[in-house]
Amino acid sequence: MKKLILVLAIVFLMVSGPAFAAELVFNWDACIEDDIAGYRIYGGSATGVYTEIKDAGNTLTYTWPDVPDGEWFFAATCYDTAGNESTYSNEVSVVIDSLPPGPPNNLSATITATQVTIKTVE
């Protein structure tokens, strides 16, 4: 089998309640053999160490939901109708940082005019 090339990973941030997570959409070029049965996406938090496997079926795109914050590494394989699986594609990595920053500290104001108008913020 020829080596599969994973060509694109797009990150979309999604908010669900107090926890934050990302949804990753993967796209790749098809393997050229006639008997390709499907594709698998492998993911993990260390390069070359994949602890999660998703079967994308016989399609050229896969959406991986609910990826938590951190650095993640992904690769893809294709498999044929006999169950043979290719080697890993190129690895792609993403850093997901979906938490908003904290507020600024120590805000202060200095009066520099002789007339000050104060308005209530609603």
PDB file of N, CA and C in Angstrom:
ATOM      1  N   MET A   1       0.833  -1.182   0.000  1.00  0.00           N
ATOM      2  CA  MET A   1       0.000   0.000   0.000  1.00  0.00           C
ATOM      3  C   MET A   1       0.879   1.247   0.000  1.00  0.00           C
ATOM      4  N   LYS A   2       0.467   2.243  -0.689  1.00  0.00           N
ATOM      5  CA  LYS A   2       1.183   3.522  -0.702  1.00  0.00           C
ATOM      6  C   LYS A   2       0.921   4.265   0.598  1.00  0.00           C
ATOM      7  N   LYS A   3       1.849   5.135   0.952  1.00  0.00           N
ATOM      8  CA  LYS A   3       1.709   5.921   2.163  1.00  0.00           C
ATOM      9  C   LYS A   3       0.622   6.978   1.979  1.00  0.00           C
ATOM     10  N   LEU A   4      -0.264   7.087   2.936  1.00  0.00           N
ATOM     11  CA  LEU A   4      -1.347   8.067   2.927  1.00  0.00           C
ATOM     12  C   LEU A   4      -0.804   9.411   3.384  1.00  0.00           C
ATOM     13  N   ILE A   5      -1.225  10.469   2.750  1.00  0.00           N
ATOM     14  CA  ILE A   5      -0.774  11.810   3.134  1.00  0.00           C
ATOM     15  C   ILE A   5      -1.956  12.589   3.691  1.00  0.00           C
ATOM     16  N   LEU A   6      -1.883  12.932   4.960  1.00  0.00           N
ATOM     17  CA  LEU A   6      -2.886  13.759   5.614  1.00  0.00           C
ATOM     18  C   LEU A   6      -2.553  15.195   5.279  1.00  0.00           C
ATOM     19  N   VAL A   7      -3.460  15.880   4.588  1.00  0.00           N
ATOM     20  CA  VAL A   7      -3.098  17.172   4.030  1.00  0.00           C
ATOM     21  C   VAL A   7      -3.614  18.379   4.798  1.00  0.00           C
ATOM     22  N   LEU A   8      -4.617  18.232   5.665  1.00  0.00           N
ATOM     23  CA  LEU A   8      -5.177  19.424   6.265  1.00  0.00           C
ATOM     24  C   LEU A   8      -5.847  19.100   7.580  1.00  0.00           C
ATOM     25  N   ALA A   9      -5.641  19.941   8.571  1.00  0.00           N
ATOM     26  CA  ALA A   9      -6.394  19.861   9.821  1.00  0.00           C
ATOM     27  C   ALA A   9      -6.847  21.262  10.164  1.00  0.00           C
ATOM     28  N   ILE A  10      -8.144  21.435  10.349  1.00  0.00           N
ATOM     29  CA  ILE A  10      -8.713  22.741  10.654  1.00  0.00           C
ATOM     30  C   ILE A  10      -9.299  22.675  12.059  1.00  0.00           C
ATOM     31  N   VAL A  11      -9.048  23.694  12.869  1.00  0.00           N
ATOM     32  CA  VAL A  11      -9.547  23.704  14.234  1.00  0.00           C
ATOM     33  C   VAL A  11     -10.711  24.681  14.338  1.00  0.00           C
ATOM     34  N   PHE A  12     -11.823  24.200  14.894  1.00  0.00           N
ATOM     35  CA  PHE A  12     -12.969  25.046  15.214  1.00  0.00           C
ATOM     36  C   PHE A  12     -13.169  24.964  16.716  1.00  0.00           C
ATOM     37  N   LEU A  13     -13.276  26.099  17.399  1.00  0.00           N
ATOM     38  CA  LEU A  13     -13.500  26.085  18.833  1.00  0.00           C
ATOM     39  C   LEU A  13     -14.994  26.047  19.090  1.00  0.00           C
ATOM     40  N   MET A  14     -15.375  25.185  20.003  1.00  0.00           N
ATOM     41  CA  MET A  14     -16.781  25.048  20.342  1.00  0.00           C
ATOM     42  C   MET A  14     -16.900  25.144  21.857  1.00  0.00           C
ATOM     43  N   VAL A  15     -17.950  25.799  22.328  1.00  0.00           N
ATOM     44  CA  VAL A  15     -18.175  25.943  23.749  1.00  0.00           C
ATOM     45  C   VAL A  15     -19.407  25.132  24.128  1.00  0.00           C
ATOM     46  N   SER A  16     -19.274  24.312  25.166  1.00  0.00           N
ATOM     47  CA  SER A  16     -20.420  23.562  25.660  1.00  0.00           C
ATOM     48  C   SER A  16     -20.398  23.625  27.175  1.00  0.00           C
ATOM     49  N   GLY A  17     -21.178  24.518  27.738  1.00  0.00           N
ATOM     50  CA  GLY A  17     -21.188  24.692  29.177  1.00  0.00           C
ATOM     51  C   GLY A  17     -19.884  25.297  29.651  1.00  0.00           C
ATOM     52  N   PRO A  18     -19.466  24.977  30.884  1.00  0.00           N
ATOM     53  CA  PRO A  18     -18.253  25.569  31.425  1.00  0.00           C
ATOM     54  C   PRO A  18     -16.970  24.984  30.843  1.00  0.00           C
ATOM     55  N   ALA A  19     -17.029  23.798  30.260  1.00  0.00           N
ATOM     56  CA  ALA A  19     -15.834  23.188  29.683  1.00  0.00           C
ATOM     57  C   ALA A  19     -15.665  23.646  28.241  1.00  0.00           C
ATOM     58  N   PHE A  20     -14.422  23.757  27.817  1.00  0.00           N
ATOM     59  CA  PHE A  20     -14.117  24.151  26.460  1.00  0.00           C
ATOM     60  C   PHE A  20     -13.470  22.971  25.754  1.00  0.00           C
ATOM     61  N   ALA A  21     -13.743  22.829  24.468  1.00  0.00           N
ATOM     62  CA  ALA A  21     -13.135  21.772  23.672  1.00  0.00           C
ATOM     63  C   ALA A  21     -13.110  22.236  22.227  1.00  0.00           C
ATOM     64  N   ALA A  22     -12.325  21.565  21.428  1.00  0.00           N
ATOM     65  CA  ALA A  22     -12.231  21.903  20.015  1.00  0.00           C
ATOM     66  C   ALA A  22     -12.769  20.749  19.182  1.00  0.00           C
ATOM     67  N   GLU A  23     -13.234  21.090  18.020  1.00  0.00           N
ATOM     68  CA  GLU A  23     -13.652  20.104  17.026  1.00  0.00           C
ATOM     69  C   GLU A  23     -12.667  20.208  15.873  1.00  0.00           C
ATOM     70  N   LEU A  24     -12.044  19.097  15.517  1.00  0.00           N
ATOM     71  CA  LEU A  24     -11.054  19.093  14.450  1.00  0.00           C
ATOM     72  C   LEU A  24     -11.644  18.423  13.224  1.00  0.00           C
ATOM     73  N   VAL A  25     -11.435  19.036  12.072  1.00  0.00           N
ATOM     74  CA  VAL A  25     -11.886  18.462  10.812  1.00  0.00           C
ATOM     75  C   VAL A  25     -10.649  18.089  10.004  1.00  0.00           C
ATOM     76  N   PHE A  26     -10.539  16.817   9.662  1.00  0.00           N
ATOM     77  CA  PHE A  26      -9.404  16.298   8.909  1.00  0.00           C
ATOM     78  C   PHE A  26      -9.822  16.009   7.477  1.00  0.00           C
ATOM     79  N   ASN A  27      -8.940  16.299   6.534  1.00  0.00           N
ATOM     80  CA  ASN A  27      -9.134  15.991   5.118  1.00  0.00           C
ATOM     81  C   ASN A  27      -7.840  15.383   4.598  1.00  0.00           C
ATOM     82  N   TRP A  28      -7.940  14.468   3.637  1.00  0.00           N
ATOM     83  CA  TRP A  28      -6.753  13.823   3.094  1.00  0.00           C
ATOM     84  C   TRP A  28      -7.005  13.389   1.668  1.00  0.00           C
ATOM     85  N   ASP A  29      -5.917  13.060   0.976  1.00  0.00           N
ATOM     86  CA  ASP A  29      -5.989  12.531  -0.384  1.00  0.00           C
ATOM     87  C   ASP A  29      -6.274  11.038  -0.311  1.00  0.00           C
ATOM     88  N   ALA A  30      -7.027  10.540  -1.273  1.00  0.00           N
ATOM     89  CA  ALA A  30      -7.384   9.123  -1.305  1.00  0.00           C
ATOM     90  C   ALA A  30      -6.164   8.247  -1.578  1.00  0.00           C
ATOM     91  N   CYS A  31      -6.168   7.053  -1.005  1.00  0.00           N
ATOM     92  CA  CYS A  31      -5.187   6.032  -1.374  1.00  0.00           C
ATOM     93  C   CYS A  31      -5.563   5.544  -2.771  1.00  0.00           C
ATOM     94  N   ILE A  32      -4.579   5.132  -3.555  1.00  0.00           N
ATOM     95  CA  ILE A  32      -4.843   4.874  -4.971  1.00  0.00           C
ATOM     96  C   ILE A  32      -5.238   3.443  -5.297  1.00  0.00           C
ATOM     97  N   GLU A  33      -5.166   2.519  -4.348  1.00  0.00           N
ATOM     98  CA  GLU A  33      -5.543   1.144  -4.633  1.00  0.00           C
ATOM     99  C   GLU A  33      -7.048   1.023  -4.887  1.00  0.00           C
ATOM    100  N   ASP A  34      -7.438   0.010  -5.635  1.00  0.00           N
ATOM    101  CA  ASP A  34      -8.852  -0.193  -5.979  1.00  0.00           C
ATOM    102  C   ASP A  34      -9.670  -0.788  -4.842  1.00  0.00           C
ATOM    103  N   ASP A  35      -9.016  -1.455  -3.911  1.00  0.00           N
ATOM    104  CA  ASP A  35      -9.759  -2.174  -2.874  1.00  0.00           C
ATOM    105  C   ASP A  35      -9.735  -1.499  -1.502  1.00  0.00           C
ATOM    106  N   ILE A  36      -9.634  -0.163  -1.472  1.00  0.00           N
ATOM    107  CA  ILE A  36      -9.614   0.566  -0.198  1.00  0.00           C
ATOM    108  C   ILE A  36     -10.993   0.465   0.452  1.00  0.00           C
ATOM    109  N   ALA A  37     -10.999   0.040   1.711  1.00  0.00           N
ATOM    110  CA  ALA A  37     -12.254  -0.097   2.458  1.00  0.00           C
ATOM    111  C   ALA A  37     -12.513   1.095   3.382  1.00  0.00           C
ATOM    112  N   GLY A  38     -11.461   1.794   3.799  1.00  0.00           N
ATOM    113  CA  GLY A  38     -11.670   2.925   4.693  1.00  0.00           C
ATOM    114  C   GLY A  38     -10.375   3.527   5.207  1.00  0.00           C
ATOM    115  N   TYR A  39     -10.558   4.451   6.147  1.00  0.00           N
ATOM    116  CA  TYR A  39      -9.453   5.226   6.703  1.00  0.00           C
ATOM    117  C   TYR A  39      -9.602   5.310   8.215  1.00  0.00           C
ATOM    118  N   ARG A  40      -8.468   5.399   8.898  1.00  0.00           N
ATOM    119  CA  ARG A  40      -8.459   5.584  10.348  1.00  0.00           C
ATOM    120  C   ARG A  40      -7.619   6.814  10.674  1.00  0.00           C
ATOM    121  N   ILE A  41      -8.082   7.563  11.681  1.00  0.00           N
ATOM    122  CA  ILE A  41      -7.331   8.703  12.201  1.00  0.00           C
ATOM    123  C   ILE A  41      -6.848   8.317  13.594  1.00  0.00           C
ATOM    124  N   TYR A  42      -5.564   8.506  13.836  1.00  0.00           N
ATOM    125  CA  TYR A  42      -4.946   8.202  15.119  1.00  0.00           C
ATOM    126  C   TYR A  42      -4.577   9.509  15.800  1.00  0.00           C
ATOM    127  N   GLY A  43      -4.778   9.602  17.109  1.00  0.00           N
ATOM    128  CA  GLY A  43      -4.444  10.818  17.837  1.00  0.00           C
ATOM    129  C   GLY A  43      -3.873  10.532  19.202  1.00  0.00           C
ATOM    130  N   GLY A  44      -3.040  11.450  19.680  1.00  0.00           N
ATOM    131  CA  GLY A  44      -2.470  11.327  21.019  1.00  0.00           C
ATOM    132  C   GLY A  44      -1.796  12.609  21.436  1.00  0.00           C
ATOM    133  N   SER A  45      -1.397  12.652  22.704  1.00  0.00           N
ATOM    134  CA  SER A  45      -0.809  13.878  23.246  1.00  0.00           C
ATOM    135  C   SER A  45       0.721  13.893  23.183  1.00  0.00           C
ATOM    136  N   ALA A  46       1.320  12.919  22.504  1.00  0.00           N
ATOM    137  CA  ALA A  46       2.776  12.905  22.298  1.00  0.00           C
ATOM    138  C   ALA A  46       3.044  12.486  20.857  1.00  0.00           C
ATOM    139  N   THR A  47       4.060  13.057  20.259  1.00  0.00           N
ATOM    140  CA  THR A  47       4.364  12.757  18.875  1.00  0.00           C
ATOM    141  C   THR A  47       4.642  11.267  18.680  1.00  0.00           C
ATOM    142  N   GLY A  48       3.959  10.671  17.724  1.00  0.00           N
ATOM    143  CA  GLY A  48       4.138   9.262  17.407  1.00  0.00           C
ATOM    144  C   GLY A  48       3.513   8.283  18.384  1.00  0.00           C
ATOM    145  N   VAL A  49       2.870   8.785  19.431  1.00  0.00           N
ATOM    146  CA  VAL A  49       2.217   7.926  20.429  1.00  0.00           C
ATOM    147  C   VAL A  49       0.711   8.185  20.356  1.00  0.00           C
ATOM    148  N   TYR A  50       0.000   7.304  19.698  1.00  0.00           N
ATOM    149  CA  TYR A  50      -1.420   7.515  19.433  1.00  0.00           C
ATOM    150  C   TYR A  50      -2.261   6.633  20.353  1.00  0.00           C
ATOM    151  N   THR A  51      -3.028   7.259  21.213  1.00  0.00           N
ATOM    152  CA  THR A  51      -3.845   6.543  22.189  1.00  0.00           C
ATOM    153  C   THR A  51      -5.315   6.491  21.801  1.00  0.00           C
ATOM    154  N   GLU A  52      -5.699   7.231  20.780  1.00  0.00           N
ATOM    155  CA  GLU A  52      -7.085   7.260  20.314  1.00  0.00           C
ATOM    156  C   GLU A  52      -7.116   6.882  18.836  1.00  0.00           C
ATOM    157  N   ILE A  53      -8.110   6.096  18.450  1.00  0.00           N
ATOM    158  CA  ILE A  53      -8.291   5.700  17.047  1.00  0.00           C
ATOM    159  C   ILE A  53      -9.737   5.954  16.664  1.00  0.00           C
ATOM    160  N   LYS A  54      -9.930   6.619  15.540  1.00  0.00           N
ATOM    161  CA  LYS A  54     -11.270   6.855  14.998  1.00  0.00           C
ATOM    162  C   LYS A  54     -11.333   6.271  13.596  1.00  0.00           C
ATOM    163  N   ASP A  55     -12.358   5.500  13.324  1.00  0.00           N
ATOM    164  CA  ASP A  55     -12.560   4.948  11.985  1.00  0.00           C
ATOM    165  C   ASP A  55     -13.411   5.926  11.194  1.00  0.00           C
ATOM    166  N   ALA A  56     -12.863   6.464  10.135  1.00  0.00           N
ATOM    167  CA  ALA A  56     -13.565   7.460   9.315  1.00  0.00           C
ATOM    168  C   ALA A  56     -14.430   6.814   8.243  1.00  0.00           C
ATOM    169  N   GLY A  57     -14.346   5.502   8.107  1.00  0.00           N
ATOM    170  CA  GLY A  57     -15.084   4.844   7.026  1.00  0.00           C
ATOM    171  C   GLY A  57     -14.425   5.162   5.692  1.00  0.00           C
ATOM    172  N   ASN A  58     -15.143   4.940   4.631  1.00  0.00           N
ATOM    173  CA  ASN A  58     -14.599   5.160   3.284  1.00  0.00           C
ATOM    174  C   ASN A  58     -14.958   6.560   2.795  1.00  0.00           C
ATOM    175  N   THR A  59     -14.402   7.546   3.461  1.00  0.00           N
ATOM    176  CA  THR A  59     -14.620   8.954   3.138  1.00  0.00           C
ATOM    177  C   THR A  59     -13.289   9.682   3.244  1.00  0.00           C
ATOM    178  N   LEU A  60     -13.195  10.878   2.707  1.00  0.00           N
ATOM    179  CA  LEU A  60     -11.940  11.637   2.704  1.00  0.00           C
ATOM    180  C   LEU A  60     -11.949  12.786   3.705  1.00  0.00           C
ATOM    181  N   THR A  61     -12.858  12.732   4.662  1.00  0.00           N
ATOM    182  CA  THR A  61     -12.919  13.751   5.705  1.00  0.00           C
ATOM    183  C   THR A  61     -13.451  13.111   6.980  1.00  0.00           C
ATOM    184  N   TYR A  62     -13.014  13.635   8.098  1.00  0.00           N
ATOM    185  CA  TYR A  62     -13.508  13.139   9.384  1.00  0.00           C
ATOM    186  C   TYR A  62     -13.513  14.289  10.378  1.00  0.00           C
ATOM    187  N   THR A  63     -14.576  14.379  11.170  1.00  0.00           N
ATOM    188  CA  THR A  63     -14.678  15.381  12.226  1.00  0.00           C
ATOM    189  C   THR A  63     -14.477  14.692  13.567  1.00  0.00           C
ATOM    190  N   TRP A  64     -13.455  15.126  14.295  1.00  0.00           N
ATOM    191  CA  TRP A  64     -13.140  14.565  15.616  1.00  0.00           C
ATOM    192  C   TRP A  64     -13.651  15.564  16.648  1.00  0.00           C
ATOM    193  N   PRO A  65     -14.707  15.220  17.386  1.00  0.00           N
ATOM    194  CA  PRO A  65     -15.298  16.174  18.337  1.00  0.00           C
ATOM    195  C   PRO A  65     -14.597  16.165  19.693  1.00  0.00           C
ATOM    196  N   ASP A  66     -14.809  17.214  20.443  1.00  0.00           N
ATOM    197  CA  ASP A  66     -14.457  17.291  21.864  1.00  0.00           C
ATOM    198  C   ASP A  66     -12.988  17.002  22.180  1.00  0.00           C
ATOM    199  N   VAL A  67     -12.087  17.622  21.453  1.00  0.00           N
ATOM    200  CA  VAL A  67     -10.658  17.482  21.745  1.00  0.00           C
ATOM    201  C   VAL A  67     -10.315  18.523  22.808  1.00  0.00           C
ATOM    202  N   PRO A  68      -9.819  18.096  23.975  1.00  0.00           N
ATOM    203  CA  PRO A  68      -9.541  19.060  25.044  1.00  0.00           C
ATOM    204  C   PRO A  68      -8.296  19.904  24.770  1.00  0.00           C
ATOM    205  N   ASP A  69      -8.137  20.938  25.564  1.00  0.00           N
ATOM    206  CA  ASP A  69      -6.964  21.810  25.458  1.00  0.00           C
ATOM    207  C   ASP A  69      -5.673  21.011  25.598  1.00  0.00           C
ATOM    208  N   GLY A  70      -4.653  21.475  24.910  1.00  0.00           N
ATOM    209  CA  GLY A  70      -3.338  20.849  24.967  1.00  0.00           C
ATOM    210  C   GLY A  70      -2.770  20.708  23.571  1.00  0.00           C
ATOM    211  N   GLU A  71      -1.585  20.105  23.493  1.00  0.00           N
ATOM    212  CA  GLU A  71      -0.975  19.834  22.191  1.00  0.00           C
ATOM    213  C   GLU A  71      -1.337  18.404  21.793  1.00  0.00           C
ATOM    214  N   TRP A  72      -1.788  18.233  20.550  1.00  0.00           N
ATOM    215  CA  TRP A  72      -2.257  16.944  20.041  1.00  0.00           C
ATOM    216  C   TRP A  72      -1.579  16.625  18.717  1.00  0.00           C
ATOM    217  N   PHE A  73      -1.351  15.344  18.492  1.00  0.00           N
ATOM    218  CA  PHE A  73      -0.673  14.862  17.292  1.00  0.00           C
ATOM    219  C   PHE A  73      -1.575  13.833  16.611  1.00  0.00           C
ATOM    220  N   PHE A  74      -1.662  13.922  15.282  1.00  0.00           N
ATOM    221  CA  PHE A  74      -2.568  13.058  14.532  1.00  0.00           C
ATOM    222  C   PHE A  74      -1.887  12.515  13.284  1.00  0.00           C
ATOM    223  N   ALA A  75      -2.293  11.311  12.896  1.00  0.00           N
ATOM    224  CA  ALA A  75      -1.860  10.700  11.640  1.00  0.00           C
ATOM    225  C   ALA A  75      -3.020   9.848  11.133  1.00  0.00           C
ATOM    226  N   ALA A  76      -2.968   9.493   9.859  1.00  0.00           N
ATOM    227  CA  ALA A  76      -4.035   8.697   9.254  1.00  0.00           C
ATOM    228  C   ALA A  76      -3.443   7.466   8.574  1.00  0.00           C
ATOM    229  N   THR A  77      -4.274   6.460   8.412  1.00  0.00           N
ATOM    230  CA  THR A  77      -3.927   5.278   7.627  1.00  0.00           C
ATOM    231  C   THR A  77      -5.115   4.931   6.740  1.00  0.00           C
ATOM    232  N   CYS A  78      -4.871   4.118   5.730  1.00  0.00           N
ATOM    233  CA  CYS A  78      -5.972   3.536   4.972  1.00  0.00           C
ATOM    234  C   CYS A  78      -5.875   2.025   5.122  1.00  0.00           C
ATOM    235  N   TYR A  79      -7.011   1.360   4.959  1.00  0.00           N
ATOM    236  CA  TYR A  79      -7.011  -0.100   5.027  1.00  0.00           C
ATOM    237  C   TYR A  79      -7.846  -0.643   3.872  1.00  0.00           C
ATOM    238  N   ASP A  80      -7.490  -1.857   3.433  1.00  0.00           N
ATOM    239  CA  ASP A  80      -8.172  -2.443   2.285  1.00  0.00           C
ATOM    240  C   ASP A  80      -9.178  -3.503   2.720  1.00  0.00           C
ATOM    241  N   THR A  81      -9.861  -4.089   1.745  1.00  0.00           N
ATOM    242  CA  THR A  81     -10.914  -5.062   2.032  1.00  0.00           C
ATOM    243  C   THR A  81     -10.373  -6.339   2.661  1.00  0.00           C
ATOM    244  N   ALA A  82      -9.075  -6.616   2.537  1.00  0.00           N
ATOM    245  CA  ALA A  82      -8.462  -7.789   3.157  1.00  0.00           C
ATOM    246  C   ALA A  82      -8.012  -7.500   4.592  1.00  0.00           C
ATOM    247  N   GLY A  83      -8.152  -6.244   5.045  1.00  0.00           N
ATOM    248  CA  GLY A  83      -7.750  -5.877   6.396  1.00  0.00           C
ATOM    249  C   GLY A  83      -6.329  -5.373   6.515  1.00  0.00           C
ATOM    250  N   ASN A  84      -5.606  -5.258   5.403  1.00  0.00           N
ATOM    251  CA  ASN A  84      -4.254  -4.706   5.423  1.00  0.00           C
ATOM    252  C   ASN A  84      -4.324  -3.201   5.665  1.00  0.00           C
ATOM    253  N   GLU A  85      -3.423  -2.704   6.506  1.00  0.00           N
ATOM    254  CA  GLU A  85      -3.421  -1.280   6.830  1.00  0.00           C
ATOM    255  C   GLU A  85      -2.107  -0.649   6.391  1.00  0.00           C
ATOM    256  N   SER A  86      -2.193   0.559   5.862  1.00  0.00           N
ATOM    257  CA  SER A  86      -0.996   1.281   5.415  1.00  0.00           C
ATOM    258  C   SER A  86      -0.176   1.735   6.617  1.00  0.00           C
ATOM    259  N   THR A  87       0.996   2.265   6.322  1.00  0.00           N
ATOM    260  CA  THR A  87       1.772   2.939   7.359  1.00  0.00           C
ATOM    261  C   THR A  87       1.088   4.270   7.650  1.00  0.00           C
ATOM    262  N   TYR A  88       1.550   4.943   8.700  1.00  0.00           N
ATOM    263  CA  TYR A  88       0.975   6.241   9.052  1.00  0.00           C
ATOM    264  C   TYR A  88       1.285   7.284   7.989  1.00  0.00           C
ATOM    265  N   SER A  89       0.359   8.206   7.834  1.00  0.00           N
ATOM    266  CA  SER A  89       0.587   9.384   6.999  1.00  0.00           C
ATOM    267  C   SER A  89       1.584  10.294   7.696  1.00  0.00           C
ATOM    268  N   ASN A  90       1.828  11.441   7.095  1.00  0.00           N
ATOM    269  CA  ASN A  90       2.567  12.485   7.805  1.00  0.00           C
ATOM    270  C   ASN A  90       1.785  12.840   9.069  1.00  0.00           C
ATOM    271  N   GLU A  91       2.491  13.287  10.079  1.00  0.00           N
ATOM    272  CA  GLU A  91       1.845  13.675  11.334  1.00  0.00           C
ATOM    273  C   GLU A  91       1.520  15.155  11.293  1.00  0.00           C
ATOM    274  N   VAL A  92       0.343  15.512  11.800  1.00  0.00           N
ATOM    275  CA  VAL A  92      -0.002  16.922  11.979  1.00  0.00           C
ATOM    276  C   VAL A  92      -0.196  17.155  13.473  1.00  0.00           C
ATOM    277  N   SER A  93       0.133  18.346  13.912  1.00  0.00           N
ATOM    278  CA  SER A  93      -0.054  18.674  15.326  1.00  0.00           C
ATOM    279  C   SER A  93      -0.831  19.978  15.443  1.00  0.00           C
ATOM    280  N   VAL A  94      -1.581  20.073  16.520  1.00  0.00           N
ATOM    281  CA  VAL A  94      -2.331  21.286  16.819  1.00  0.00           C
ATOM    282  C   VAL A  94      -2.196  21.577  18.298  1.00  0.00           C
ATOM    283  N   VAL A  95      -2.222  22.854  18.631  1.00  0.00           N
ATOM    284  CA  VAL A  95      -2.271  23.274  20.021  1.00  0.00           C
ATOM    285  C   VAL A  95      -3.633  23.920  20.219  1.00  0.00           C
ATOM    286  N   ILE A  96      -4.397  23.356  21.123  1.00  0.00           N
ATOM    287  CA  ILE A  96      -5.738  23.869  21.390  1.00  0.00           C
ATOM    288  C   ILE A  96      -5.684  24.650  22.692  1.00  0.00           C
ATOM    289  N   ASP A  97      -6.060  25.903  22.613  1.00  0.00           N
ATOM    290  CA  ASP A  97      -6.094  26.797  23.774  1.00  0.00           C
ATOM    291  C   ASP A  97      -7.413  27.542  23.702  1.00  0.00           C
ATOM    292  N   SER A  98      -8.463  26.918  24.190  1.00  0.00           N
ATOM    293  CA  SER A  98      -9.800  27.482  24.031  1.00  0.00           C
ATOM    294  C   SER A  98     -10.259  28.307  25.227  1.00  0.00           C
ATOM    295  N   LEU A  99      -9.474  28.332  26.295  1.00  0.00           N
ATOM    296  CA  LEU A  99      -9.882  29.101  27.459  1.00  0.00           C
ATOM    297  C   LEU A  99      -9.571  30.581  27.254  1.00  0.00           C
ATOM    298  N   PRO A 100     -10.513  31.446  27.576  1.00  0.00           N
ATOM    299  CA  PRO A 100     -10.237  32.878  27.422  1.00  0.00           C
ATOM    300  C   PRO A 100      -9.215  33.335  28.462  1.00  0.00           C
ATOM    301  N   PRO A 101      -8.486  34.398  28.163  1.00  0.00           N
ATOM    302  CA  PRO A 101      -7.524  34.905  29.151  1.00  0.00           C
ATOM    303  C   PRO A 101      -8.252  35.515  30.344  1.00  0.00           C
ATOM    304  N   GLY A 102      -7.562  35.605  31.459  1.00  0.00           N
ATOM    305  CA  GLY A 102      -8.130  36.251  32.634  1.00  0.00           C
ATOM    306  C   GLY A 102      -8.218  37.751  32.426  1.00  0.00           C
ATOM    307  N   PRO A 103      -8.951  38.426  33.282  1.00  0.00           N
ATOM    308  CA  PRO A 103      -9.090  39.882  33.119  1.00  0.00           C
ATOM    309  C   PRO A 103      -7.804  40.597  33.501  1.00  0.00           C
ATOM    310  N   PRO A 104      -7.629  41.824  33.002  1.00  0.00           N
ATOM    311  CA  PRO A 104      -6.457  42.605  33.399  1.00  0.00           C
ATOM    312  C   PRO A 104      -6.536  42.955  34.888  1.00  0.00           C
ATOM    313  N   ASN A 105      -5.402  43.110  35.508  1.00  0.00           N
ATOM    314  CA  ASN A 105      -5.335  43.454  36.930  1.00  0.00           C
ATOM    315  C   ASN A 105      -4.919  44.908  37.103  1.00  0.00           C
ATOM    316  N   ASN A 106      -5.244  45.438  38.258  1.00  0.00           N
ATOM    317  CA  ASN A 106      -4.783  46.758  38.703  1.00  0.00           C
ATOM    318  C   ASN A 106      -5.180  47.891  37.761  1.00  0.00           C
ATOM    319  N   LEU A 107      -6.415  47.889  37.305  1.00  0.00           N
ATOM    320  CA  LEU A 107      -6.914  48.990  36.487  1.00  0.00           C
ATOM    321  C   LEU A 107      -6.986  50.247  37.344  1.00  0.00           C
ATOM    322  N   SER A 108      -6.493  51.356  36.819  1.00  0.00           N
ATOM    323  CA  SER A 108      -6.562  52.613  37.566  1.00  0.00           C
ATOM    324  C   SER A 108      -6.918  53.734  36.603  1.00  0.00           C
ATOM    325  N   ALA A 109      -7.333  54.839  37.154  1.00  0.00           N
ATOM    326  CA  ALA A 109      -7.667  56.017  36.361  1.00  0.00           C
ATOM    327  C   ALA A 109      -7.098  57.245  37.054  1.00  0.00           C
ATOM    328  N   THR A 110      -6.684  58.197  36.253  1.00  0.00           N
ATOM    329  CA  THR A 110      -6.148  59.450  36.789  1.00  0.00           C
ATOM    330  C   THR A 110      -6.967  60.588  36.211  1.00  0.00           C
ATOM    331  N   ILE A 111      -7.421  61.482  37.055  1.00  0.00           N
ATOM    332  CA  ILE A 111      -8.194  62.637  36.601  1.00  0.00           C
ATOM    333  C   ILE A 111      -7.215  63.708  36.149  1.00  0.00           C
ATOM    334  N   THR A 112      -7.352  64.131  34.869  1.00  0.00           N
ATOM    335  CA  THR A 112      -6.458  65.147  34.342  1.00  0.00           C
ATOM    336  C   THR A 112      -7.209  66.395  33.914  1.00  0.00           C
ATOM    337  N   ALA A 113      -8.547  66.376  34.017  1.00  0.00           N
ATOM    338  CA  ALA A 113      -9.342  67.542  33.616  1.00  0.00           C
ATOM    339  C   ALA A 113      -9.965  68.163  34.867  1.00  0.00           C
ATOM    340  N   THR A 114     -10.365  69.412  34.745  1.00  0.00           N
ATOM    341  CA  THR A 114     -10.982  70.077  35.891  1.00  0.00           C
ATOM    342  C   THR A 114     -12.460  69.742  35.992  1.00  0.00           C
ATOM    343  N   GLN A 115     -13.075  69.276  34.914  1.00  0.00           N
ATOM    344  CA  GLN A 115     -14.481  68.906  34.962  1.00  0.00           C
ATOM    345  C   GLN A 115     -14.592  67.411  34.612  1.00  0.00           C
ATOM    346  N   VAL A 116     -15.287  66.670  35.449  1.00  0.00           N
ATOM    347  CA  VAL A 116     -15.440  65.241  35.248  1.00  0.00           C
ATOM    348  C   VAL A 116     -16.929  64.903  35.209  1.00  0.00           C
ATOM    349  N   THR A 117     -17.320  64.137  34.208  1.00  0.00           N
ATOM    350  CA  THR A 117     -18.692  63.647  34.114  1.00  0.00           C
ATOM    351  C   THR A 117     -18.682  62.165  34.384  1.00  0.00           C
ATOM    352  N   ILE A 118     -19.496  61.739  35.321  1.00  0.00           N
ATOM    353  CA  ILE A 118     -19.570  60.309  35.644  1.00  0.00           C
ATOM    354  C   ILE A 118     -20.901  59.787  35.176  1.00  0.00           C
ATOM    355  N   LYS A 119     -20.888  58.699  34.411  1.00  0.00           N
ATOM    356  CA  LYS A 119     -22.097  58.068  33.938  1.00  0.00           C
ATOM    357  C   LYS A 119     -22.203  56.679  34.514  1.00  0.00           C
ATOM    358  N   THR A 120     -23.421  56.259  34.770  1.00  0.00           N
ATOM    359  CA  THR A 120     -23.652  54.891  35.242  1.00  0.00           C
ATOM    360  C   THR A 120     -23.714  53.953  34.056  1.00  0.00           C
ATOM    361  N   VAL A 121     -23.013  52.875  34.147  1.00  0.00           N
ATOM    362  CA  VAL A 121     -23.022  51.866  33.090  1.00  0.00           C
ATOM    363  C   VAL A 121     -24.103  50.860  33.429  1.00  0.00           C
ATOM    364  N   GLU A 122     -24.990  50.640  32.464  1.00  0.00           N
ATOM    365  CA  GLU A 122     -26.085  49.705  32.704  1.00  0.00           C
ATOM    366  C   GLU A 122     -25.813  48.399  32.006  1.00  0.00           C
TER     367      GLU A 122
END
